[in-house]
PDB file of N, CA and C in Angstrom:
ATOM      1  N   MET A   1       7.428 -15.712  -2.716  1.00  0.00           N
ATOM      2  CA  MET A   1       7.909 -16.582  -1.668  1.00  0.00           C
ATOM      3  C   MET A   1       6.714 -17.025  -0.844  1.00  0.00           C
ATOM      4  N   ARG A   2       6.634 -18.273  -0.556  1.00  0.00           N
ATOM      5  CA  ARG A   2       5.524 -18.770   0.247  1.00  0.00           C
ATOM      6  C   ARG A   2       6.044 -19.774   1.251  1.00  0.00           C
ATOM      7  N   ARG A   3       5.349 -19.861   2.342  1.00  0.00           N
ATOM      8  CA  ARG A   3       5.740 -20.815   3.385  1.00  0.00           C
ATOM      9  C   ARG A   3       5.409 -22.220   2.941  1.00  0.00           C
ATOM     10  N   GLU A   4       6.331 -23.111   3.217  1.00  0.00           N
ATOM     11  CA  GLU A   4       6.068 -24.514   2.951  1.00  0.00           C
ATOM     12  C   GLU A   4       5.251 -25.059   4.107  1.00  0.00           C
ATOM     13  N   PRO A   5       4.188 -25.800   3.817  1.00  0.00           N
ATOM     14  CA  PRO A   5       3.371 -26.341   4.913  1.00  0.00           C
ATOM     15  C   PRO A   5       4.213 -27.193   5.857  1.00  0.00           C
ATOM     16  N   GLY A   6       4.119 -26.898   7.127  1.00  0.00           N
ATOM     17  CA  GLY A   6       4.844 -27.664   8.132  1.00  0.00           C
ATOM     18  C   GLY A   6       6.334 -27.390   8.159  1.00  0.00           C
ATOM     19  N   GLY A   7       6.804 -26.482   7.317  1.00  0.00           N
ATOM     20  CA  GLY A   7       8.232 -26.213   7.274  1.00  0.00           C
ATOM     21  C   GLY A   7       8.562 -24.873   7.889  1.00  0.00           C
ATOM     22  N   LEU A   8       9.835 -24.685   8.160  1.00  0.00           N
ATOM     23  CA  LEU A   8      10.268 -23.421   8.724  1.00  0.00           C
ATOM     24  C   LEU A   8      10.765 -22.481   7.644  1.00  0.00           C
ATOM     25  N   GLY A   9      11.111 -23.020   6.497  1.00  0.00           N
ATOM     26  CA  GLY A   9      11.681 -22.203   5.436  1.00  0.00           C
ATOM     27  C   GLY A   9      10.636 -21.674   4.477  1.00  0.00           C
ATOM     28  N   TYR A  10      11.118 -21.035   3.448  1.00  0.00           N
ATOM     29  CA  TYR A  10      10.252 -20.477   2.420  1.00  0.00           C
ATOM     30  C   TYR A  10      10.573 -21.128   1.093  1.00  0.00           C
ATOM     31  N   ALA A  11       9.567 -21.285   0.274  1.00  0.00           N
ATOM     32  CA  ALA A  11       9.753 -21.734  -1.100  1.00  0.00           C
ATOM     33  C   ALA A  11       9.757 -20.476  -1.957  1.00  0.00           C
ATOM     34  N   TRP A  12      10.617 -20.410  -2.919  1.00  0.00           N
ATOM     35  CA  TRP A  12      10.722 -19.210  -3.739  1.00  0.00           C
ATOM     36  C   TRP A  12       9.585 -19.120  -4.730  1.00  0.00           C
ATOM     37  N   GLY A  13       8.986 -17.971  -4.798  1.00  0.00           N
ATOM     38  CA  GLY A  13       7.937 -17.670  -5.763  1.00  0.00           C
ATOM     39  C   GLY A  13       8.387 -16.474  -6.571  1.00  0.00           C
ATOM     40  N   SER A  14       7.474 -15.625  -6.947  1.00  0.00           N
ATOM     41  CA  SER A  14       7.822 -14.449  -7.736  1.00  0.00           C
ATOM     42  C   SER A  14       8.467 -13.388  -6.845  1.00  0.00           C
ATOM     43  N   LEU A  15       9.154 -12.457  -7.483  1.00  0.00           N
ATOM     44  CA  LEU A  15       9.783 -11.357  -6.755  1.00  0.00           C
ATOM     45  C   LEU A  15       8.719 -10.518  -6.058  1.00  0.00           C
ATOM     46  N   GLY A  16       7.551 -10.359  -6.696  1.00  0.00           N
ATOM     47  CA  GLY A  16       6.455  -9.611  -6.088  1.00  0.00           C
ATOM     48  C   GLY A  16       6.024 -10.211  -4.767  1.00  0.00           C
ATOM     49  N   GLU A  17       5.963 -11.548  -4.709  1.00  0.00           N
ATOM     50  CA  GLU A  17       5.602 -12.222  -3.457  1.00  0.00           C
ATOM     51  C   GLU A  17       6.653 -11.960  -2.399  1.00  0.00           C
ATOM     52  N   LEU A  18       7.922 -11.988  -2.803  1.00  0.00           N
ATOM     53  CA  LEU A  18       9.023 -11.742  -1.873  1.00  0.00           C
ATOM     54  C   LEU A  18       8.913 -10.339  -1.287  1.00  0.00           C
ATOM     55  N   LEU A  19       8.707  -9.347  -2.143  1.00  0.00           N
ATOM     56  CA  LEU A  19       8.607  -7.971  -1.671  1.00  0.00           C
ATOM     57  C   LEU A  19       7.376  -7.778  -0.800  1.00  0.00           C
ATOM     58  N   MET A  20       6.266  -8.386  -1.181  1.00  0.00           N
ATOM     59  CA  MET A  20       5.053  -8.244  -0.399  1.00  0.00           C
ATOM     60  C   MET A  20       5.227  -8.879   0.975  1.00  0.00           C
ATOM     61  N   ASP A  21       5.852 -10.048   1.021  1.00  0.00           N
ATOM     62  CA  ASP A  21       6.113 -10.693   2.308  1.00  0.00           C
ATOM     63  C   ASP A  21       7.007  -9.823   3.168  1.00  0.00           C
ATOM     64  N   SER A  22       8.002  -9.205   2.556  1.00  0.00           N
ATOM     65  CA  SER A  22       8.930  -8.356   3.289  1.00  0.00           C
ATOM     66  C   SER A  22       8.199  -7.143   3.869  1.00  0.00           C
ATOM     67  N   GLU A  23       7.350  -6.512   3.076  1.00  0.00           N
ATOM     68  CA  GLU A  23       6.582  -5.363   3.550  1.00  0.00           C
ATOM     69  C   GLU A  23       5.622  -5.770   4.665  1.00  0.00           C
ATOM     70  N   LYS A  24       4.989  -6.902   4.485  1.00  0.00           N
ATOM     71  CA  LYS A  24       4.049  -7.390   5.494  1.00  0.00           C
ATOM     72  C   LYS A  24       4.785  -7.705   6.790  1.00  0.00           C
ATOM     73  N   GLN A  25       5.952  -8.306   6.681  1.00  0.00           N
ATOM     74  CA  GLN A  25       6.734  -8.628   7.871  1.00  0.00           C
ATOM     75  C   GLN A  25       7.111  -7.357   8.624  1.00  0.00           C
ATOM     76  N   LYS A  26       7.455  -6.310   7.910  1.00  0.00           N
ATOM     77  CA  LYS A  26       7.789  -5.042   8.564  1.00  0.00           C
ATOM     78  C   LYS A  26       6.583  -4.482   9.310  1.00  0.00           C
ATOM     79  N   ARG A  27       5.389  -4.583   8.696  1.00  0.00           N
ATOM     80  CA  ARG A  27       4.175  -4.104   9.374  1.00  0.00           C
ATOM     81  C   ARG A  27       3.897  -4.910  10.629  1.00  0.00           C
ATOM     82  N   VAL A  28       4.097  -6.229  10.551  1.00  0.00           N
ATOM     83  CA  VAL A  28       3.889  -7.088  11.723  1.00  0.00           C
ATOM     84  C   VAL A  28       4.894  -6.716  12.810  1.00  0.00           C
ATOM     85  N   GLU A  29       6.151  -6.527  12.449  1.00  0.00           N
ATOM     86  CA  GLU A  29       7.175  -6.144  13.432  1.00  0.00           C
ATOM     87  C   GLU A  29       6.803  -4.843  14.125  1.00  0.00           C
ATOM     88  N   GLN A  30       6.386  -3.849  13.341  1.00  0.00           N
ATOM     89  CA  GLN A  30       6.033  -2.551  13.919  1.00  0.00           C
ATOM     90  C   GLN A  30       4.835  -2.664  14.853  1.00  0.00           C
ATOM     91  N   ARG A  31       3.831  -3.409  14.425  1.00  0.00           N
ATOM     92  CA  ARG A  31       2.628  -3.564  15.248  1.00  0.00           C
ATOM     93  C   ARG A  31       2.952  -4.321  16.526  1.00  0.00           C
ATOM     94  N   ALA A  32       3.736  -5.396  16.420  1.00  0.00           N
ATOM     95  CA  ALA A  32       4.115  -6.180  17.605  1.00  0.00           C
ATOM     96  C   ALA A  32       4.901  -5.309  18.586  1.00  0.00           C
ATOM     97  N   TYR A  33       5.773  -4.472  18.051  1.00  0.00           N
ATOM     98  CA  TYR A  33       6.548  -3.563  18.902  1.00  0.00           C
ATOM     99  C   TYR A  33       5.603  -2.611  19.657  1.00  0.00           C
ATOM    100  N   LEU A  34       4.606  -2.092  18.954  1.00  0.00           N
ATOM    101  CA  LEU A  34       3.651  -1.184  19.604  1.00  0.00           C
ATOM    102  C   LEU A  34       2.881  -1.881  20.722  1.00  0.00           C
ATOM    103  N   PHE A  35       2.509  -3.144  20.504  1.00  0.00           N
ATOM    104  CA  PHE A  35       1.833  -3.909  21.561  1.00  0.00           C
ATOM    105  C   PHE A  35       2.755  -4.056  22.770  1.00  0.00           C
ATOM    106  N   TRP A  36       4.002  -4.382  22.507  1.00  0.00           N
ATOM    107  CA  TRP A  36       4.986  -4.583  23.570  1.00  0.00           C
ATOM    108  C   TRP A  36       5.153  -3.303  24.390  1.00  0.00           C
ATOM    109  N   VAL A  37       5.294  -2.177  23.710  1.00  0.00           N
ATOM    110  CA  VAL A  37       5.459  -0.893  24.396  1.00  0.00           C
ATOM    111  C   VAL A  37       4.198  -0.554  25.187  1.00  0.00           C
ATOM    112  N   ALA A  38       3.031  -0.758  24.565  1.00  0.00           N
ATOM    113  CA  ALA A  38       1.759  -0.428  25.226  1.00  0.00           C
ATOM    114  C   ALA A  38       1.548  -1.245  26.499  1.00  0.00           C
ATOM    115  N   GLU A  39       2.116  -2.445  26.539  1.00  0.00           N
ATOM    116  CA  GLU A  39       1.963  -3.299  27.724  1.00  0.00           C
ATOM    117  C   GLU A  39       3.093  -3.116  28.728  1.00  0.00           C
ATOM    118  N   GLY A  40       3.909  -2.099  28.548  1.00  0.00           N
ATOM    119  CA  GLY A  40       4.972  -1.820  29.508  1.00  0.00           C
ATOM    120  C   GLY A  40       6.248  -2.608  29.277  1.00  0.00           C
ATOM    121  N   GLN A  41       6.472  -3.077  28.051  1.00  0.00           N
ATOM    122  CA  GLN A  41       7.679  -3.794  27.647  1.00  0.00           C
ATOM    123  C   GLN A  41       7.951  -5.046  28.489  1.00  0.00           C
ATOM    124  N   PRO A  42       6.937  -5.915  28.611  1.00  0.00           N
ATOM    125  CA  PRO A  42       7.124  -7.114  29.436  1.00  0.00           C
ATOM    126  C   PRO A  42       8.093  -8.106  28.789  1.00  0.00           C
ATOM    127  N   HIS A  43       8.839  -8.784  29.607  1.00  0.00           N
ATOM    128  CA  HIS A  43       9.792  -9.792  29.130  1.00  0.00           C
ATOM    129  C   HIS A  43       9.060 -11.098  28.815  1.00  0.00           C
ATOM    130  N   GLY A  44       9.429 -11.733  27.702  1.00  0.00           N
ATOM    131  CA  GLY A  44       8.930 -13.064  27.391  1.00  0.00           C
ATOM    132  C   GLY A  44       7.572 -13.135  26.709  1.00  0.00           C
ATOM    133  N   ARG A  45       7.056 -12.014  26.218  1.00  0.00           N
ATOM    134  CA  ARG A  45       5.733 -12.042  25.568  1.00  0.00           C
ATOM    135  C   ARG A  45       5.828 -11.720  24.090  1.00  0.00           C
ATOM    136  N   HIS A  46       7.040 -11.788  23.537  1.00  0.00           N
ATOM    137  CA  HIS A  46       7.253 -11.392  22.140  1.00  0.00           C
ATOM    138  C   HIS A  46       6.447 -12.242  21.160  1.00  0.00           C
ATOM    139  N   GLU A  47       6.340 -13.526  21.407  1.00  0.00           N
ATOM    140  CA  GLU A  47       5.586 -14.385  20.492  1.00  0.00           C
ATOM    141  C   GLU A  47       4.105 -14.039  20.512  1.00  0.00           C
ATOM    142  N   GLU A  48       3.584 -13.776  21.682  1.00  0.00           N
ATOM    143  CA  GLU A  48       2.173 -13.389  21.802  1.00  0.00           C
ATOM    144  C   GLU A  48       1.901 -12.104  21.021  1.00  0.00           C
ATOM    145  N   HIS A  49       2.794 -11.120  21.201  1.00  0.00           N
ATOM    146  CA  HIS A  49       2.634  -9.848  20.493  1.00  0.00           C
ATOM    147  C   HIS A  49       2.761 -10.045  18.984  1.00  0.00           C
ATOM    148  N   TRP A  50       3.705 -10.884  18.565  1.00  0.00           N
ATOM    149  CA  TRP A  50       3.920 -11.143  17.138  1.00  0.00           C
ATOM    150  C   TRP A  50       2.675 -11.781  16.517  1.00  0.00           C
ATOM    151  N   HIS A  51       2.139 -12.797  17.169  1.00  0.00           N
ATOM    152  CA  HIS A  51       0.973 -13.496  16.619  1.00  0.00           C
ATOM    153  C   HIS A  51      -0.269 -12.597  16.598  1.00  0.00           C
ATOM    154  N   LEU A  52      -0.436 -11.792  17.628  1.00  0.00           N
ATOM    155  CA  LEU A  52      -1.555 -10.859  17.657  1.00  0.00           C
ATOM    156  C   LEU A  52      -1.448  -9.863  16.504  1.00  0.00           C
ATOM    157  N   ALA A  53      -0.257  -9.326  16.306  1.00  0.00           N
ATOM    158  CA  ALA A  53      -0.034  -8.370  15.214  1.00  0.00           C
ATOM    159  C   ALA A  53      -0.269  -9.028  13.857  1.00  0.00           C
ATOM    160  N   ALA A  54       0.232 -10.237  13.679  1.00  0.00           N
ATOM    161  CA  ALA A  54       0.073 -10.947  12.409  1.00  0.00           C
ATOM    162  C   ALA A  54      -1.405 -11.218  12.117  1.00  0.00           C
ATOM    163  N   ARG A  55      -2.160 -11.627  13.142  1.00  0.00           N
ATOM    164  CA  ARG A  55      -3.596 -11.895  12.946  1.00  0.00           C
ATOM    165  C   ARG A  55      -4.344 -10.623  12.570  1.00  0.00           C
ATOM    166  N   GLN A  56      -4.021  -9.519  13.221  1.00  0.00           N
ATOM    167  CA  GLN A  56      -4.691  -8.259  12.917  1.00  0.00           C
ATOM    168  C   GLN A  56      -4.409  -7.817  11.481  1.00  0.00           C
ATOM    169  N   ILE A  57      -3.167  -7.914  11.073  1.00  0.00           N
ATOM    170  CA  ILE A  57      -2.796  -7.484   9.726  1.00  0.00           C
ATOM    171  C   ILE A  57      -3.432  -8.390   8.678  1.00  0.00           C
ATOM    172  N   GLU A  58      -3.478  -9.687   8.938  1.00  0.00           N
ATOM    173  CA  GLU A  58      -4.159 -10.616   8.023  1.00  0.00           C
ATOM    174  C   GLU A  58      -5.630 -10.235   7.882  1.00  0.00           C
ATOM    175  N   ALA A  59      -6.281  -9.932   9.005  1.00  0.00           N
ATOM    176  CA  ALA A  59      -7.700  -9.563   8.982  1.00  0.00           C
ATOM    177  C   ALA A  59      -7.903  -8.263   8.202  1.00  0.00           C
ATOM    178  N   GLU A  60      -7.019  -7.290   8.400  1.00  0.00           N
ATOM    179  CA  GLU A  60      -7.113  -6.022   7.671  1.00  0.00           C
ATOM    180  C   GLU A  60      -6.952  -6.249   6.174  1.00  0.00           C
ATOM    181  N   GLU A  61      -6.034  -7.128   5.798  1.00  0.00           N
ATOM    182  CA  GLU A  61      -5.825  -7.412   4.378  1.00  0.00           C
ATOM    183  C   GLU A  61      -7.036  -8.109   3.772  1.00  0.00           C
ATOM    184  N   GLU A  62      -7.651  -9.009   4.511  1.00  0.00           N
ATOM    185  CA  GLU A  62      -8.841  -9.696   4.015  1.00  0.00           C
ATOM    186  C   GLU A  62      -9.984  -8.705   3.790  1.00  0.00           C
ATOM    187  N   VAL A  63     -10.159  -7.768   4.713  1.00  0.00           N
ATOM    188  CA  VAL A  63     -11.201  -6.757   4.568  1.00  0.00           C
ATOM    189  C   VAL A  63     -10.905  -5.895   3.344  1.00  0.00           C
ATOM    190  N   ARG A  64      -9.658  -5.500   3.185  1.00  0.00           N
ATOM    191  CA  ARG A  64      -9.257  -4.665   2.054  1.00  0.00           C
ATOM    192  C   ARG A  64      -9.519  -5.386   0.727  1.00  0.00           C
ATOM    193  N   ILE A  65      -9.232  -6.672   0.683  1.00  0.00           N
ATOM    194  CA  ILE A  65      -9.427  -7.456  -0.533  1.00  0.00           C
ATOM    195  C   ILE A  65     -10.910  -7.557  -0.869  1.00  0.00           C
ATOM    196  N   THR A  66     -11.755  -7.773   0.127  1.00  0.00           N
ATOM    197  CA  THR A  66     -13.185  -7.904  -0.149  1.00  0.00           C
ATOM    198  C   THR A  66     -13.826  -6.564  -0.480  1.00  0.00           C
ATOM    199  N   GLU A  67     -13.282  -5.457   0.022  1.00  0.00           N
ATOM    200  CA  GLU A  67     -13.839  -4.137  -0.263  1.00  0.00           C
ATOM    201  C   GLU A  67     -13.386  -3.611  -1.618  1.00  0.00           C
ATOM    202  N   GLU A  68     -12.231  -4.047  -2.110  1.00  0.00           N
ATOM    203  CA  GLU A  68     -11.688  -3.548  -3.366  1.00  0.00           C
ATOM    204  C   GLU A  68     -12.632  -3.739  -4.545  1.00  0.00           C
ATOM    205  N   PRO A  69     -13.198  -4.934  -4.777  1.00  0.00           N
ATOM    206  CA  PRO A  69     -14.119  -5.093  -5.904  1.00  0.00           C
ATOM    207  C   PRO A  69     -15.343  -4.181  -5.794  1.00  0.00           C
ATOM    208  N   LYS A  70     -15.851  -3.970  -4.594  1.00  0.00           N
ATOM    209  CA  LYS A  70     -17.000  -3.084  -4.398  1.00  0.00           C
ATOM    210  C   LYS A  70     -16.636  -1.660  -4.790  1.00  0.00           C
ATOM    211  N   LYS A  71     -15.444  -1.238  -4.405  1.00  0.00           N
ATOM    212  CA  LYS A  71     -14.983   0.110  -4.687  1.00  0.00           C
ATOM    213  C   LYS A  71     -14.849   0.322  -6.192  1.00  0.00           C
ATOM    214  N   LYS A  72     -14.240  -0.651  -6.882  1.00  0.00           N
ATOM    215  CA  LYS A  72     -14.067  -0.543  -8.324  1.00  0.00           C
ATOM    216  C   LYS A  72     -15.406  -0.501  -9.038  1.00  0.00           C
ATOM    217  N   THR A  73     -16.367  -1.292  -8.593  1.00  0.00           N
ATOM    218  CA  THR A  73     -17.695  -1.313  -9.199  1.00  0.00           C
ATOM    219  C   THR A  73     -18.369   0.040  -9.034  1.00  0.00           C
ATOM    220  N   SER A  74     -18.279   0.628  -7.846  1.00  0.00           N
ATOM    221  CA  SER A  74     -18.918   1.921  -7.621  1.00  0.00           C
ATOM    222  C   SER A  74     -18.207   3.025  -8.394  1.00  0.00           C
ATOM    223  N   GLU A  75     -16.882   2.919  -8.558  1.00  0.00           N
ATOM    224  CA  GLU A  75     -16.141   3.904  -9.347  1.00  0.00           C
ATOM    225  C   GLU A  75     -16.573   3.846 -10.804  1.00  0.00           C
ATOM    226  N   ARG A  76     -16.764   2.641 -11.337  1.00  0.00           N
ATOM    227  CA  ARG A  76     -17.207   2.494 -12.722  1.00  0.00           C
ATOM    228  C   ARG A  76     -18.611   3.063 -12.901  1.00  0.00           C
ATOM    229  N   ALA A  77     -19.480   2.813 -11.952  1.00  0.00           N
ATOM    230  CA  ALA A  77     -20.848   3.324 -12.032  1.00  0.00           C
ATOM    231  C   ALA A  77     -20.855   4.844 -12.000  1.00  0.00           C
ATOM    232  N   THR A  78     -20.025   5.432 -11.166  1.00  0.00           N
ATOM    233  CA  THR A  78     -19.936   6.882 -11.070  1.00  0.00           C
ATOM    234  C   THR A  78     -19.405   7.467 -12.375  1.00  0.00           C
ATOM    235  N   ALA A  79     -18.371   6.867 -12.927  1.00  0.00           N
ATOM    236  CA  ALA A  79     -17.804   7.340 -14.182  1.00  0.00           C
ATOM    237  C   ALA A  79     -18.813   7.220 -15.312  1.00  0.00           C
ATOM    238  N   SER A  80     -19.571   6.133 -15.321  1.00  0.00           N
ATOM    239  CA  SER A  80     -20.581   5.917 -16.346  1.00  0.00           C
ATOM    240  C   SER A  80     -21.677   6.980 -16.262  1.00  0.00           C
ATOM    241  N   SER A  81     -22.121   7.285 -15.066  1.00  0.00           N
ATOM    242  CA  SER A  81     -23.175   8.291 -14.911  1.00  0.00           C
ATOM    243  C   SER A  81     -22.661   9.678 -15.287  1.00  0.00           C
ATOM    244  N   ARG A  82     -21.405   9.977 -15.049  1.00  0.00           N
ATOM    245  CA  ARG A  82     -20.818  11.266 -15.440  1.00  0.00           C
ATOM    246  C   ARG A  82     -20.792  11.398 -16.955  1.00  0.00           C
ATOM    247  N   ARG A  83     -20.450  10.312 -17.648  1.00  0.00           N
ATOM    248  CA  ARG A  83     -20.407  10.352 -19.112  1.00  0.00           C
ATOM    249  C   ARG A  83     -21.796  10.587 -19.673  1.00  0.00           C
ATOM    250  N   LYS A  84     -22.794   9.951 -19.077  1.00  0.00           N
ATOM    251  CA  LYS A  84     -24.167  10.136 -19.561  1.00  0.00           C
ATOM    252  C   LYS A  84     -24.615  11.572 -19.381  1.00  0.00           C
ATOM    253  N   LYS A  85     -24.278  12.189 -18.263  1.00  0.00           N
ATOM    254  CA  LYS A  85     -24.676  13.576 -17.992  1.00  0.00           C
ATOM    255  C   LYS A  85     -23.977  14.525 -18.950  1.00  0.00           C
ATOM    256  N   SER A  86     -22.705  14.258 -19.268  1.00  0.00           N
ATOM    257  CA  SER A  86     -21.963  15.169 -20.129  1.00  0.00           C
ATOM    258  C   SER A  86     -22.426  15.095 -21.582  1.00  0.00           C
ATOM    259  N   LYS A  87     -23.054  13.999 -21.997  1.00  0.00           N
ATOM    260  CA  LYS A  87     -23.558  13.854 -23.362  1.00  0.00           C
ATOM    261  C   LYS A  87     -24.840  14.642 -23.572  1.00  0.00           C
ATOM    262  N   LYS A  88     -25.557  14.960 -22.493  1.00  0.00           N
ATOM    263  CA  LYS A  88     -26.836  15.651 -22.601  1.00  0.00           C
ATOM    264  C   LYS A  88     -26.660  17.101 -22.948  1.00  0.00           C
TER     265      LYS A  88
END
């Protein structure tokens, strides 16, 4: 499921996208709620808290995506060096 540009609705994509969006939305809701509570539960700031939470989660996901290839590369290098040592 993906957002249509300029639209309020969603366009249907794969089930994986739907589930991922649902999980991400839950994380945004939880984070926004924590911001609201931390600020003393102010009235009328829900959109601000929602957008702040969404931006933070997007940034965390971007960092995770860029770190993943590095992690896999280092795991392969470690496994390769272990195999070389065990052959000796």
